[in-house]
Structure formats: C-alpha cells, structure tokens
Amino acid sequence: MFLDIVGFSRNPNSRQRELVDTLTTEVTSSLSSLMSPPLETHVVAMPTGDGMALAFLHQPNQPWDISTIMSLIYRIEVWAKSRDGSVSLRTGIHSGEVEFITDINNKTNIVGDTINYAQRVMDAANPKQVLFSDTAFRQYIGSNNPSYSGSPYSPECKAVFKGPFQVQAKHGLRMLVYKVTLD
C-alpha cells in the first residue's frame, strides 16, 4: 500500500509535521500489533515524506485477510475527512514478491518491482481516490462480486470496485487498475 497526502508541500512546515504525525499515529494505532516482528505475518512501514509505504508481509500461500487492508483504507479516509476537508489522500494497492534490504538508517526496507508498481498505482490515483492494481484486485476481491462488505463495511454500505481502467504511469507503463468507491 502506497499513500500520500495531496498538496503536502504547499503547507507550512508546522502543518506538514502535524499532518505526518497524525497520519502516522492513525496508521500505527490501527496496525500496532502487526508492526512488531517477529511475527510470521507483519507490516513493514516506510515513511515517504508526504505519506508512507506499507508492505504487508506474509508466508507463501497465506495471503492477508483483506479486512485488515480495507479497515485501514477506511480509517485513513476518515482521518483525512476529519481534517476540516483540507486533506486529500491518494492510495495505491498492489501485491507481489518483495526483497528486503537494510537501509541507511539500519532499518528494514523493501525494494523491487512490487513496491515500485504500488507507487505507480498510487501515482495514477486522483485526490481522494483508492486504486487497486489488477493483480491486487484479483487476489483479494476476485471478479465474481466486485465489492467488499466485510468490516468496517456491511451489505448495506459496502466498498464497490469499478474497472478495470487502463492508465499510463511513469516511463510509459500501462496498468489496469480498479477504483474503489467508499460508501
């Protein structure tokens, strides 16, 4: 999951800090039990300055329960709306294999095509938009019923996936994405 705060650099330094601090608090409180290795399934979080990248790691053939990801999407969208309507997020979701490295701060980090593709999916999103890559959509949602009604949603109020839409990303990369409409 890659996300950023739209128009971040147009804010004064004190507002930038407040936005990053409160977004970080929101995400870490939502995922705190998953961000403390050694767990077989955990999250590696990487700050990006105006947002973050979250790598949901799992063992082969044991993918994430989509409810964790959808609950986080819901929670950060509620966070953005609670900022007096002045904050918009762009979010991109992709899935695939990653490589671990130790970065310059001696922290675990992720590299490879999957994290780069997730960023391209996010880059294709408009403000206040969540996009799933075709791969993530097929893995977590499937094409039989392009909606999600699990927690925090319900059958009466669900997340609906529309697409696929072809978008062009950096370096001329063409991608299929699905837009999430959050009711």
Protein backbone atom coordinates (compact mmCIF):
# COMPACT_ATOMS: atom_id res chain seq x y z
CA MET A 1 0.00 0.00 0.00
CA PHE A 2 1.40 3.37 -1.03
CA LEU A 3 -0.29 6.57 0.09
CA ASP A 4 0.45 10.24 0.03
CA ILE A 5 -1.06 13.49 1.16
CA VAL A 6 -2.09 15.54 -1.88
CA GLY A 7 -0.64 19.06 -1.97
CA PHE A 8 1.55 18.34 1.05
CA SER A 9 4.41 20.69 0.11
CA ARG A 10 2.03 23.67 -0.22
CA ASN A 11 1.55 23.58 3.57
CA PRO A 12 3.81 25.44 6.02
CA ASN A 13 6.37 23.31 7.85
CA SER A 14 4.36 23.18 11.08
CA ARG A 15 1.27 21.91 9.19
CA GLN A 16 3.37 19.33 7.32
CA ARG A 17 4.68 18.00 10.63
CA GLU A 18 1.17 17.89 12.15
CA LEU A 19 -0.18 16.01 9.11
CA VAL A 20 2.61 13.43 9.09
CA ASP A 21 2.46 12.97 12.88
CA THR A 22 -1.31 12.48 12.99
CA LEU A 23 -1.39 10.21 9.91
CA THR A 24 1.42 8.12 11.40
CA THR A 25 -0.45 7.87 14.70
CA GLU A 26 -3.62 6.78 12.89
CA VAL A 27 -1.83 4.06 10.93
CA THR A 28 0.30 2.78 13.81
CA SER A 29 -2.66 2.59 16.18
CA SER A 30 -4.57 0.62 13.55
CA LEU A 31 -1.68 -1.76 12.81
CA SER A 32 0.39 -1.71 16.03
CA SER A 33 0.13 -5.44 16.69
CA LEU A 34 1.32 -6.17 13.15
CA MET A 35 4.32 -3.82 13.18
CA SER A 36 6.30 -5.66 15.87
CA PRO A 37 8.30 -8.58 14.48
CA PRO A 38 8.99 -11.41 14.91
CA LEU A 39 5.62 -12.38 13.56
CA GLU A 40 5.05 -14.64 10.61
CA THR A 41 2.71 -12.01 9.23
CA HIS A 42 3.60 -8.38 9.83
CA VAL A 43 3.86 -4.94 8.28
CA VAL A 44 6.97 -3.01 7.30
CA ALA A 45 6.23 0.73 7.29
CA MET A 46 8.40 3.19 5.40
CA PRO A 47 7.95 6.97 5.56
CA THR A 48 8.00 8.77 2.22
CA GLY A 49 7.96 12.36 3.45
CA ASP A 50 4.43 13.17 2.32
CA GLY A 51 2.94 9.77 3.12
CA MET A 52 4.09 6.21 3.56
CA ALA A 53 4.52 2.80 2.03
CA LEU A 54 3.24 -0.22 3.92
CA ALA A 55 4.37 -3.70 2.98
CA PHE A 56 2.00 -6.36 4.30
CA LEU A 57 4.27 -9.39 4.53
CA HIS A 58 3.10 -12.98 4.67
CA GLN A 59 4.24 -16.52 4.20
CA PRO A 60 3.76 -18.13 0.77
CA ASN A 61 0.20 -19.34 0.17
CA GLN A 62 -1.06 -17.41 3.24
CA PRO A 63 -2.21 -14.06 1.84
CA TRP A 64 -3.52 -11.28 4.00
CA ASP A 65 -7.11 -11.15 5.09
CA ILE A 66 -8.45 -8.25 3.04
CA SER A 67 -10.31 -6.94 6.11
CA THR A 68 -7.03 -5.59 7.53
CA ILE A 69 -6.33 -3.59 4.38
CA MET A 70 -9.93 -2.41 3.90
CA SER A 71 -10.20 -1.37 7.56
CA LEU A 72 -7.01 0.66 7.21
CA ILE A 73 -8.28 2.29 4.00
CA TYR A 74 -11.49 3.22 5.77
CA ARG A 75 -9.65 4.55 8.82
CA ILE A 76 -7.25 6.79 6.88
CA GLU A 77 -10.10 8.14 4.73
CA VAL A 78 -11.99 9.04 7.93
CA TRP A 79 -8.78 10.67 9.22
CA ALA A 80 -8.47 12.76 6.03
CA LYS A 81 -12.11 13.89 6.23
CA SER A 82 -11.64 14.86 9.88
CA ARG A 83 -9.06 17.48 8.84
CA ASP A 84 -11.76 20.06 8.02
CA GLY A 85 -11.92 18.86 4.43
CA SER A 86 -8.45 20.27 3.77
CA VAL A 87 -6.66 16.92 3.33
CA SER A 88 -6.89 14.51 0.42
CA LEU A 89 -5.08 11.21 0.13
CA ARG A 90 -4.11 9.13 -2.90
CA THR A 91 -3.77 5.42 -2.21
CA GLY A 92 -2.46 2.58 -4.36
CA ILE A 93 -2.61 -1.14 -3.56
CA HIS A 94 -0.57 -3.83 -5.32
CA SER A 95 0.60 -7.31 -4.38
CA GLY A 96 3.60 -9.42 -5.24
CA GLU A 97 7.01 -10.50 -4.06
CA VAL A 98 9.44 -8.07 -2.43
CA GLU A 99 13.09 -8.04 -1.49
CA PHE A 100 14.35 -6.95 1.92
CA ILE A 101 17.27 -4.61 2.44
CA THR A 102 18.71 -2.78 5.40
CA ASP A 103 18.55 0.92 4.61
CA ILE A 104 20.96 3.73 5.51
CA ASN A 105 19.26 4.09 8.92
CA ASN A 106 19.82 0.39 9.64
CA LYS A 107 16.07 -0.31 9.30
CA THR A 108 14.32 -2.99 7.29
CA ASN A 109 13.16 -1.67 3.94
CA ILE A 110 11.61 -3.11 0.80
CA VAL A 111 12.82 -2.89 -2.80
CA GLY A 112 11.82 -4.40 -6.10
CA ASP A 113 9.21 -4.31 -8.82
CA THR A 114 6.25 -4.79 -6.46
CA ILE A 115 6.89 -1.70 -4.33
CA ASN A 116 7.70 0.34 -7.45
CA TYR A 117 4.47 -0.81 -9.11
CA ALA A 118 2.47 0.03 -5.95
CA GLN A 119 3.85 3.57 -6.14
CA ARG A 120 2.85 3.81 -9.81
CA VAL A 121 -0.69 2.70 -8.91
CA MET A 122 -0.82 5.44 -6.25
CA ASP A 123 0.57 7.98 -8.72
CA ALA A 124 -2.34 7.15 -11.07
CA ALA A 125 -4.91 7.91 -8.35
CA ASN A 126 -6.68 11.24 -8.17
CA PRO A 127 -7.08 13.08 -4.87
CA LYS A 128 -9.44 11.19 -2.50
CA GLN A 129 -9.08 8.05 -4.62
CA VAL A 130 -8.05 4.49 -3.83
CA LEU A 131 -6.84 2.29 -6.68
CA PHE A 132 -6.11 -1.44 -6.66
CA SER A 133 -3.86 -2.92 -9.30
CA ASP A 134 -5.40 -5.68 -11.38
CA THR A 135 -3.19 -8.18 -9.51
CA ALA A 136 -4.30 -6.99 -6.07
CA PHE A 137 -7.94 -6.89 -7.16
CA ARG A 138 -7.84 -10.48 -8.43
CA GLN A 139 -6.02 -11.71 -5.32
CA TYR A 140 -8.16 -10.00 -2.70
CA ILE A 141 -11.55 -9.30 -4.29
CA GLY A 142 -11.97 -11.51 -7.36
CA SER A 143 -14.17 -10.78 -10.32
CA ASN A 144 -17.36 -12.63 -9.29
CA ASN A 145 -18.61 -9.88 -6.97
CA PRO A 146 -16.58 -6.68 -7.31
CA SER A 147 -17.44 -5.36 -3.87
CA TYR A 148 -16.39 -5.72 -0.26
CA SER A 149 -18.92 -5.76 2.59
CA GLY A 150 -16.77 -7.06 5.47
CA SER A 151 -15.64 -4.99 8.44
CA PRO A 152 -15.88 -1.96 8.67
CA TYR A 153 -18.43 -2.10 5.84
CA SER A 154 -21.70 -4.02 5.63
CA PRO A 155 -24.01 -5.42 2.93
CA GLU A 156 -25.96 -2.15 3.13
CA CYS A 157 -22.86 0.05 2.98
CA LYS A 158 -20.05 -1.57 1.01
CA ALA A 159 -16.92 -0.72 -0.93
CA VAL A 160 -17.56 -1.16 -4.65
CA PHE A 161 -14.79 -1.77 -7.18
CA LYS A 162 -15.15 -0.28 -10.66
CA GLY A 163 -12.96 -1.14 -13.60
CA PRO A 164 -10.69 -2.22 -14.93
CA PHE A 165 -9.40 1.06 -16.25
CA GLN A 166 -6.20 1.30 -18.24
CA VAL A 167 -3.89 4.08 -17.05
CA GLN A 168 -0.46 5.15 -18.14
CA ALA A 169 2.19 5.56 -15.46
CA LYS A 170 5.77 6.75 -15.34
CA HIS A 171 8.05 5.53 -18.14
CA GLY A 172 5.02 4.76 -20.34
CA LEU A 173 3.97 1.80 -18.18
CA ARG A 174 0.36 0.81 -18.93
CA MET A 175 -1.56 -0.66 -16.00
CA LEU A 176 -5.03 -1.99 -15.30
CA VAL A 177 -6.49 -0.58 -12.09
CA TYR A 178 -9.75 -0.75 -10.17
CA LYS A 179 -11.22 2.29 -8.45
CA VAL A 180 -12.72 1.78 -5.00
CA THR A 181 -15.89 3.71 -4.25
CA LEU A 182 -16.16 4.03 -0.49
CA ASP A 183 -19.79 4.32 0.61
